[in-house]
Amino acid sequence: MKVLVAGTFDILHPGHIYLFNEAKKYGDVHVIVARDENVRRIKGKKTVFDENERKLMVESLKMVEKAYLGDPEDFFKMVQVIAPDIIFLGPDQDDKWIRERIRQLQLDIEIIQLEKRLNYSSSWTKDILKRINDSMEVF
């Protein structure tokens, strides 16, 4: 079984590791790493690591079979290339537009969503960036 996970994965943290490990329970994990231009357009921010660095980090994880850069214009182009059996979503990823697109394209893909995020102090990238910034303050 091919399991697809997608995201920015800018600063890898325990929440990402948990997501990948949970996805691995269903099959071989394939990851779409968001393109820099898409992160800027959708999230309105610049990443710390560029898309190639983020892809390198993700594909270096033992639970990841293969990582890909997303398509700059259409997320589902890579979905169709990878042809997953399952799309595995994080607890705060929106599944409505994905379900609609799967229906429109008449794809046979199951969606599984992680029910909860890990309760680590470092399971949100924005919290990690704040911790880094706070650690740089002079006492």
N, C-alpha and C. Protein backbone atom coordinates (compact mmCIF):
# COMPACT_ATOMS: atom_id res chain seq x y z
N MET A 1 0.84 -1.19 0.00
CA MET A 1 0.00 0.00 0.00
C MET A 1 0.88 1.24 0.00
N LYS A 2 0.50 2.22 -0.81
CA LYS A 2 1.18 3.51 -0.83
C LYS A 2 0.37 4.50 0.00
N VAL A 3 1.06 5.16 0.92
CA VAL A 3 0.43 6.15 1.77
C VAL A 3 1.06 7.50 1.47
N LEU A 4 0.24 8.47 1.15
CA LEU A 4 0.73 9.79 0.80
C LEU A 4 0.53 10.77 1.95
N VAL A 5 1.59 11.47 2.28
CA VAL A 5 1.56 12.55 3.26
C VAL A 5 2.08 13.79 2.54
N ALA A 6 1.49 14.95 2.83
CA ALA A 6 1.94 16.18 2.17
C ALA A 6 2.01 17.31 3.18
N GLY A 7 2.96 18.21 2.96
CA GLY A 7 3.07 19.36 3.84
C GLY A 7 4.31 20.17 3.53
N THR A 8 4.55 21.17 4.36
CA THR A 8 5.70 22.05 4.19
C THR A 8 6.95 21.43 4.79
N PHE A 9 6.85 20.93 6.01
CA PHE A 9 7.96 20.27 6.72
C PHE A 9 9.21 21.15 6.76
N ASP A 10 8.99 22.40 7.16
CA ASP A 10 10.08 23.36 7.17
C ASP A 10 11.10 23.06 8.27
N ILE A 11 10.64 22.92 9.47
CA ILE A 11 11.54 22.55 10.57
C ILE A 11 10.99 21.24 11.11
N LEU A 12 11.69 20.15 10.84
CA LEU A 12 11.21 18.84 11.31
C LEU A 12 11.18 18.82 12.82
N HIS A 13 10.10 18.28 13.37
CA HIS A 13 9.92 18.24 14.81
C HIS A 13 9.20 16.95 15.21
N PRO A 14 9.05 16.68 16.50
CA PRO A 14 8.41 15.43 16.94
C PRO A 14 7.01 15.22 16.37
N GLY A 15 6.27 16.28 16.12
CA GLY A 15 4.95 16.13 15.52
C GLY A 15 5.02 15.53 14.12
N HIS A 16 6.02 15.95 13.33
CA HIS A 16 6.19 15.37 11.99
C HIS A 16 6.59 13.90 12.09
N ILE A 17 7.49 13.61 13.00
CA ILE A 17 7.94 12.21 13.17
C ILE A 17 6.75 11.33 13.56
N TYR A 18 5.92 11.83 14.46
CA TYR A 18 4.71 11.10 14.86
C TYR A 18 3.79 10.88 13.65
N LEU A 19 3.57 11.91 12.85
CA LEU A 19 2.74 11.81 11.65
C LEU A 19 3.28 10.74 10.70
N PHE A 20 4.57 10.78 10.42
CA PHE A 20 5.17 9.80 9.50
C PHE A 20 5.10 8.38 10.06
N ASN A 21 5.35 8.23 11.35
CA ASN A 21 5.28 6.90 11.97
C ASN A 21 3.86 6.34 11.95
N GLU A 22 2.87 7.20 12.19
CA GLU A 22 1.48 6.74 12.12
C GLU A 22 1.11 6.37 10.69
N ALA A 23 1.54 7.15 9.71
CA ALA A 23 1.27 6.85 8.30
C ALA A 23 1.91 5.52 7.91
N LYS A 24 3.10 5.27 8.43
CA LYS A 24 3.86 4.05 8.10
C LYS A 24 3.09 2.79 8.52
N LYS A 25 2.23 2.89 9.49
CA LYS A 25 1.43 1.73 9.93
C LYS A 25 0.51 1.23 8.83
N TYR A 26 0.23 2.09 7.83
CA TYR A 26 -0.68 1.72 6.75
C TYR A 26 0.03 1.28 5.47
N GLY A 27 1.34 1.54 5.38
CA GLY A 27 2.05 1.15 4.17
C GLY A 27 3.30 1.99 3.94
N ASP A 28 3.80 1.96 2.71
CA ASP A 28 4.99 2.72 2.33
C ASP A 28 4.64 4.20 2.23
N VAL A 29 5.41 5.02 2.94
CA VAL A 29 5.11 6.44 3.03
C VAL A 29 5.81 7.22 1.91
N HIS A 30 5.01 7.93 1.14
CA HIS A 30 5.48 8.82 0.09
C HIS A 30 5.06 10.22 0.50
N VAL A 31 5.98 11.18 0.39
CA VAL A 31 5.73 12.51 0.90
C VAL A 31 5.85 13.56 -0.20
N ILE A 32 4.85 14.42 -0.29
CA ILE A 32 4.93 15.58 -1.17
C ILE A 32 5.34 16.77 -0.30
N VAL A 33 6.47 17.36 -0.65
CA VAL A 33 6.99 18.54 0.06
C VAL A 33 6.55 19.77 -0.73
N ALA A 34 5.91 20.70 -0.04
CA ALA A 34 5.39 21.90 -0.69
C ALA A 34 6.49 22.73 -1.33
N ARG A 35 6.21 23.25 -2.50
CA ARG A 35 7.14 24.14 -3.19
C ARG A 35 7.20 25.47 -2.46
N ASP A 36 8.37 26.12 -2.52
CA ASP A 36 8.55 27.42 -1.86
C ASP A 36 7.49 28.42 -2.31
N GLU A 37 7.24 28.49 -3.61
CA GLU A 37 6.28 29.47 -4.13
C GLU A 37 4.87 29.20 -3.61
N ASN A 38 4.52 27.93 -3.41
CA ASN A 38 3.20 27.60 -2.88
C ASN A 38 3.08 27.97 -1.41
N VAL A 39 4.15 27.76 -0.64
CA VAL A 39 4.13 28.14 0.77
C VAL A 39 3.94 29.64 0.89
N ARG A 40 4.67 30.40 0.08
CA ARG A 40 4.53 31.87 0.10
C ARG A 40 3.10 32.28 -0.28
N ARG A 41 2.55 31.64 -1.30
CA ARG A 41 1.22 32.00 -1.78
C ARG A 41 0.13 31.58 -0.79
N ILE A 42 0.21 30.37 -0.26
CA ILE A 42 -0.85 29.84 0.60
C ILE A 42 -0.71 30.31 2.05
N LYS A 43 0.49 30.24 2.59
CA LYS A 43 0.69 30.61 4.00
C LYS A 43 1.14 32.05 4.18
N GLY A 44 1.53 32.68 3.09
CA GLY A 44 1.96 34.07 3.16
C GLY A 44 3.25 34.27 3.92
N LYS A 45 4.13 33.27 3.85
CA LYS A 45 5.42 33.40 4.55
C LYS A 45 6.52 32.68 3.80
N LYS A 46 7.72 33.03 4.15
CA LYS A 46 8.91 32.41 3.58
C LYS A 46 9.32 31.26 4.51
N THR A 47 9.89 30.22 3.93
CA THR A 47 10.36 29.10 4.75
C THR A 47 11.78 29.36 5.24
N VAL A 48 12.18 28.66 6.29
CA VAL A 48 13.55 28.74 6.79
C VAL A 48 14.46 27.97 5.85
N PHE A 49 14.04 26.77 5.47
CA PHE A 49 14.79 25.92 4.54
C PHE A 49 14.10 25.94 3.19
N ASP A 50 14.88 25.95 2.10
CA ASP A 50 14.25 25.95 0.79
C ASP A 50 13.70 24.55 0.47
N GLU A 51 12.94 24.46 -0.60
CA GLU A 51 12.24 23.23 -0.95
C GLU A 51 13.16 22.03 -1.13
N ASN A 52 14.33 22.23 -1.70
CA ASN A 52 15.26 21.10 -1.88
C ASN A 52 15.85 20.63 -0.56
N GLU A 53 16.13 21.57 0.34
CA GLU A 53 16.63 21.19 1.67
C GLU A 53 15.55 20.44 2.45
N ARG A 54 14.32 20.92 2.38
CA ARG A 54 13.22 20.24 3.08
C ARG A 54 12.98 18.85 2.52
N LYS A 55 13.05 18.71 1.20
CA LYS A 55 12.89 17.39 0.57
C LYS A 55 14.01 16.46 1.02
N LEU A 56 15.24 16.94 1.05
CA LEU A 56 16.38 16.14 1.49
C LEU A 56 16.18 15.64 2.93
N MET A 57 15.75 16.52 3.81
CA MET A 57 15.54 16.12 5.20
C MET A 57 14.44 15.07 5.31
N VAL A 58 13.33 15.28 4.63
CA VAL A 58 12.21 14.34 4.70
C VAL A 58 12.59 12.98 4.13
N GLU A 59 13.25 12.97 2.97
CA GLU A 59 13.58 11.68 2.35
C GLU A 59 14.69 10.94 3.09
N SER A 60 15.35 11.62 4.02
CA SER A 60 16.39 10.98 4.82
C SER A 60 15.83 10.22 6.02
N LEU A 61 14.55 10.41 6.30
CA LEU A 61 13.93 9.72 7.42
C LEU A 61 13.67 8.26 7.07
N LYS A 62 13.96 7.37 8.00
CA LYS A 62 13.86 5.94 7.71
C LYS A 62 12.44 5.47 7.41
N MET A 63 11.44 6.19 7.91
CA MET A 63 10.06 5.74 7.66
C MET A 63 9.49 6.26 6.35
N VAL A 64 10.27 7.07 5.62
CA VAL A 64 9.81 7.64 4.35
C VAL A 64 10.42 6.85 3.19
N GLU A 65 9.56 6.32 2.37
CA GLU A 65 9.98 5.56 1.19
C GLU A 65 10.57 6.49 0.12
N LYS A 66 9.83 7.59 -0.15
CA LYS A 66 10.28 8.52 -1.19
C LYS A 66 9.63 9.88 -0.94
N ALA A 67 10.38 10.94 -1.26
CA ALA A 67 9.85 12.30 -1.16
C ALA A 67 9.89 12.96 -2.53
N TYR A 68 8.94 13.82 -2.78
CA TYR A 68 8.79 14.50 -4.06
C TYR A 68 8.52 15.99 -3.79
N LEU A 69 8.92 16.83 -4.70
CA LEU A 69 8.49 18.22 -4.64
C LEU A 69 7.12 18.30 -5.29
N GLY A 70 6.24 19.08 -4.69
CA GLY A 70 4.89 19.23 -5.24
C GLY A 70 4.90 19.98 -6.56
N ASP A 71 3.79 19.91 -7.24
CA ASP A 71 3.62 20.67 -8.47
C ASP A 71 3.32 22.12 -8.09
N PRO A 72 3.95 23.09 -8.76
CA PRO A 72 3.73 24.49 -8.40
C PRO A 72 2.29 24.97 -8.60
N GLU A 73 1.54 24.30 -9.45
CA GLU A 73 0.20 24.79 -9.77
C GLU A 73 -0.93 23.89 -9.33
N ASP A 74 -0.72 22.58 -9.31
CA ASP A 74 -1.82 21.66 -9.01
C ASP A 74 -1.34 20.52 -8.13
N PHE A 75 -1.75 20.53 -6.88
CA PHE A 75 -1.37 19.48 -5.93
C PHE A 75 -1.68 18.09 -6.48
N PHE A 76 -2.79 17.95 -7.16
CA PHE A 76 -3.22 16.62 -7.60
C PHE A 76 -2.42 16.05 -8.77
N LYS A 77 -1.61 16.86 -9.42
CA LYS A 77 -0.74 16.30 -10.46
C LYS A 77 0.21 15.28 -9.84
N MET A 78 0.81 15.61 -8.68
CA MET A 78 1.71 14.67 -8.02
C MET A 78 0.94 13.51 -7.39
N VAL A 79 -0.25 13.76 -6.93
CA VAL A 79 -1.08 12.68 -6.39
C VAL A 79 -1.30 11.64 -7.48
N GLN A 80 -1.60 12.10 -8.69
CA GLN A 80 -1.82 11.16 -9.79
C GLN A 80 -0.54 10.44 -10.20
N VAL A 81 0.61 11.10 -10.11
CA VAL A 81 1.89 10.45 -10.41
C VAL A 81 2.19 9.36 -9.37
N ILE A 82 2.00 9.69 -8.12
CA ILE A 82 2.32 8.75 -7.03
C ILE A 82 1.30 7.62 -6.95
N ALA A 83 0.05 7.90 -7.27
CA ALA A 83 -1.05 6.94 -7.24
C ALA A 83 -1.15 6.22 -5.88
N PRO A 84 -1.40 6.99 -4.81
CA PRO A 84 -1.48 6.36 -3.50
C PRO A 84 -2.80 5.62 -3.29
N ASP A 85 -2.76 4.69 -2.35
CA ASP A 85 -3.99 4.03 -1.90
C ASP A 85 -4.66 4.86 -0.81
N ILE A 86 -3.83 5.57 -0.05
CA ILE A 86 -4.30 6.36 1.09
C ILE A 86 -3.63 7.73 1.06
N ILE A 87 -4.41 8.76 1.37
CA ILE A 87 -3.84 10.06 1.69
C ILE A 87 -4.00 10.21 3.19
N PHE A 88 -2.88 10.38 3.88
CA PHE A 88 -2.86 10.46 5.34
C PHE A 88 -2.66 11.92 5.74
N LEU A 89 -3.64 12.47 6.43
CA LEU A 89 -3.62 13.88 6.78
C LEU A 89 -3.29 14.11 8.26
N GLY A 90 -2.66 15.22 8.51
CA GLY A 90 -2.44 15.64 9.88
C GLY A 90 -3.75 16.11 10.48
N PRO A 91 -3.80 16.28 11.80
CA PRO A 91 -5.06 16.61 12.47
C PRO A 91 -5.63 17.98 12.11
N ASP A 92 -4.80 18.89 11.61
CA ASP A 92 -5.31 20.22 11.27
C ASP A 92 -5.30 20.49 9.77
N GLN A 93 -5.15 19.44 8.97
CA GLN A 93 -5.23 19.61 7.52
C GLN A 93 -6.69 19.45 7.07
N ASP A 94 -7.12 20.31 6.16
CA ASP A 94 -8.49 20.31 5.66
C ASP A 94 -8.69 19.21 4.64
N ASP A 95 -9.66 18.34 4.89
CA ASP A 95 -9.89 17.22 3.99
C ASP A 95 -11.01 17.48 2.97
N LYS A 96 -11.79 18.53 3.15
CA LYS A 96 -12.97 18.74 2.29
C LYS A 96 -12.59 18.92 0.83
N TRP A 97 -11.64 19.80 0.54
CA TRP A 97 -11.27 20.05 -0.85
C TRP A 97 -10.59 18.83 -1.46
N ILE A 98 -9.88 18.06 -0.63
CA ILE A 98 -9.21 16.85 -1.13
C ILE A 98 -10.25 15.80 -1.51
N ARG A 99 -11.24 15.60 -0.64
CA ARG A 99 -12.31 14.64 -0.95
C ARG A 99 -13.05 15.04 -2.23
N GLU A 100 -13.33 16.33 -2.37
CA GLU A 100 -14.04 16.81 -3.57
C GLU A 100 -13.22 16.57 -4.82
N ARG A 101 -11.94 16.83 -4.75
CA ARG A 101 -11.07 16.65 -5.92
C ARG A 101 -10.93 15.16 -6.28
N ILE A 102 -10.83 14.30 -5.27
CA ILE A 102 -10.78 12.85 -5.51
C ILE A 102 -12.05 12.41 -6.24
N ARG A 103 -13.18 12.93 -5.78
CA ARG A 103 -14.46 12.60 -6.42
C ARG A 103 -14.49 13.09 -7.86
N GLN A 104 -14.07 14.34 -8.09
CA GLN A 104 -14.07 14.91 -9.44
C GLN A 104 -13.19 14.11 -10.40
N LEU A 105 -12.03 13.69 -9.91
CA LEU A 105 -11.08 12.96 -10.75
C LEU A 105 -11.37 11.46 -10.79
N GLN A 106 -12.37 11.04 -10.04
CA GLN A 106 -12.79 9.63 -9.97
C GLN A 106 -11.61 8.73 -9.57
N LEU A 107 -10.91 9.15 -8.53
CA LEU A 107 -9.78 8.37 -8.02
C LEU A 107 -10.25 7.48 -6.88
N ASP A 108 -9.62 6.35 -6.76
CA ASP A 108 -9.94 5.40 -5.68
C ASP A 108 -8.88 5.54 -4.59
N ILE A 109 -9.04 6.57 -3.77
CA ILE A 109 -8.07 6.86 -2.71
C ILE A 109 -8.83 7.04 -1.40
N GLU A 110 -8.39 6.34 -0.38
CA GLU A 110 -8.97 6.49 0.96
C GLU A 110 -8.26 7.65 1.67
N ILE A 111 -9.02 8.38 2.47
CA ILE A 111 -8.43 9.44 3.29
C ILE A 111 -8.49 9.01 4.75
N ILE A 112 -7.36 9.09 5.40
CA ILE A 112 -7.29 8.83 6.84
C ILE A 112 -6.68 10.07 7.48
N GLN A 113 -7.32 10.54 8.53
CA GLN A 113 -6.82 11.74 9.21
C GLN A 113 -6.40 11.39 10.63
N LEU A 114 -5.20 11.82 10.96
CA LEU A 114 -4.69 11.66 12.32
C LEU A 114 -5.62 12.43 13.25
N GLU A 115 -6.08 11.77 14.31
CA GLU A 115 -7.09 12.40 15.16
C GLU A 115 -6.54 13.49 16.07
N LYS A 116 -5.32 13.33 16.53
CA LYS A 116 -4.79 14.31 17.48
C LYS A 116 -3.32 14.54 17.21
N ARG A 117 -2.86 15.69 17.64
CA ARG A 117 -1.44 15.98 17.52
C ARG A 117 -0.77 15.59 18.82
N LEU A 118 0.49 15.31 18.75
CA LEU A 118 1.25 14.97 19.95
C LEU A 118 1.32 16.18 20.87
N ASN A 119 1.34 15.92 22.13
CA ASN A 119 1.39 17.01 23.11
C ASN A 119 2.84 17.31 23.50
N TYR A 120 3.64 17.64 22.52
CA TYR A 120 5.02 18.07 22.76
C TYR A 120 5.08 19.58 22.69
N SER A 121 6.03 20.16 23.39
CA SER A 121 6.19 21.61 23.31
C SER A 121 6.71 22.02 21.94
N SER A 122 7.18 21.05 21.19
CA SER A 122 7.75 21.37 19.88
C SER A 122 7.02 20.62 18.76
N SER A 123 5.70 20.70 18.76
CA SER A 123 4.97 20.05 17.68
C SER A 123 4.29 21.07 16.75
N TRP A 124 4.65 22.33 16.88
CA TRP A 124 4.21 23.38 15.97
C TRP A 124 5.45 24.14 15.52
N THR A 125 5.63 24.31 14.23
CA THR A 125 6.80 25.02 13.73
C THR A 125 6.86 26.44 14.29
N LYS A 126 5.72 27.12 14.36
CA LYS A 126 5.72 28.49 14.87
C LYS A 126 6.20 28.54 16.32
N ASP A 127 5.88 27.53 17.14
CA ASP A 127 6.35 27.49 18.52
C ASP A 127 7.86 27.26 18.59
N ILE A 128 8.36 26.43 17.68
CA ILE A 128 9.81 26.19 17.63
C ILE A 128 10.55 27.48 17.26
N LEU A 129 10.03 28.19 16.27
CA LEU A 129 10.66 29.45 15.87
C LEU A 129 10.65 30.45 17.02
N LYS A 130 9.56 30.48 17.79
CA LYS A 130 9.50 31.37 18.95
C LYS A 130 10.53 30.94 19.99
N ARG A 131 10.67 29.64 20.23
CA ARG A 131 11.67 29.16 21.19
C ARG A 131 13.08 29.52 20.74
N ILE A 132 13.33 29.41 19.45
CA ILE A 132 14.66 29.78 18.93
C ILE A 132 14.89 31.28 19.15
N ASN A 133 13.89 32.07 18.80
CA ASN A 133 14.00 33.51 18.98
C ASN A 133 14.22 33.86 20.47
N ASP A 134 13.46 33.23 21.34
CA ASP A 134 13.61 33.49 22.78
C ASP A 134 14.99 33.09 23.29
N SER A 135 15.53 32.01 22.73
CA SER A 135 16.85 31.55 23.19
C SER A 135 17.98 32.48 22.75
N MET A 136 17.69 33.34 21.77
CA MET A 136 18.68 34.26 21.27
C MET A 136 18.73 35.57 22.08
N GLU A 137 17.75 35.76 22.95
CA GLU A 137 17.69 36.98 23.74
C GLU A 137 18.84 37.02 24.74
N VAL A 138 19.35 38.18 24.95
CA VAL A 138 20.46 38.37 25.91
C VAL A 138 19.86 38.61 27.28
N PHE A 139 20.45 37.96 28.27
CA PHE A 139 19.93 38.11 29.65
C PHE A 139 20.53 39.31 30.32
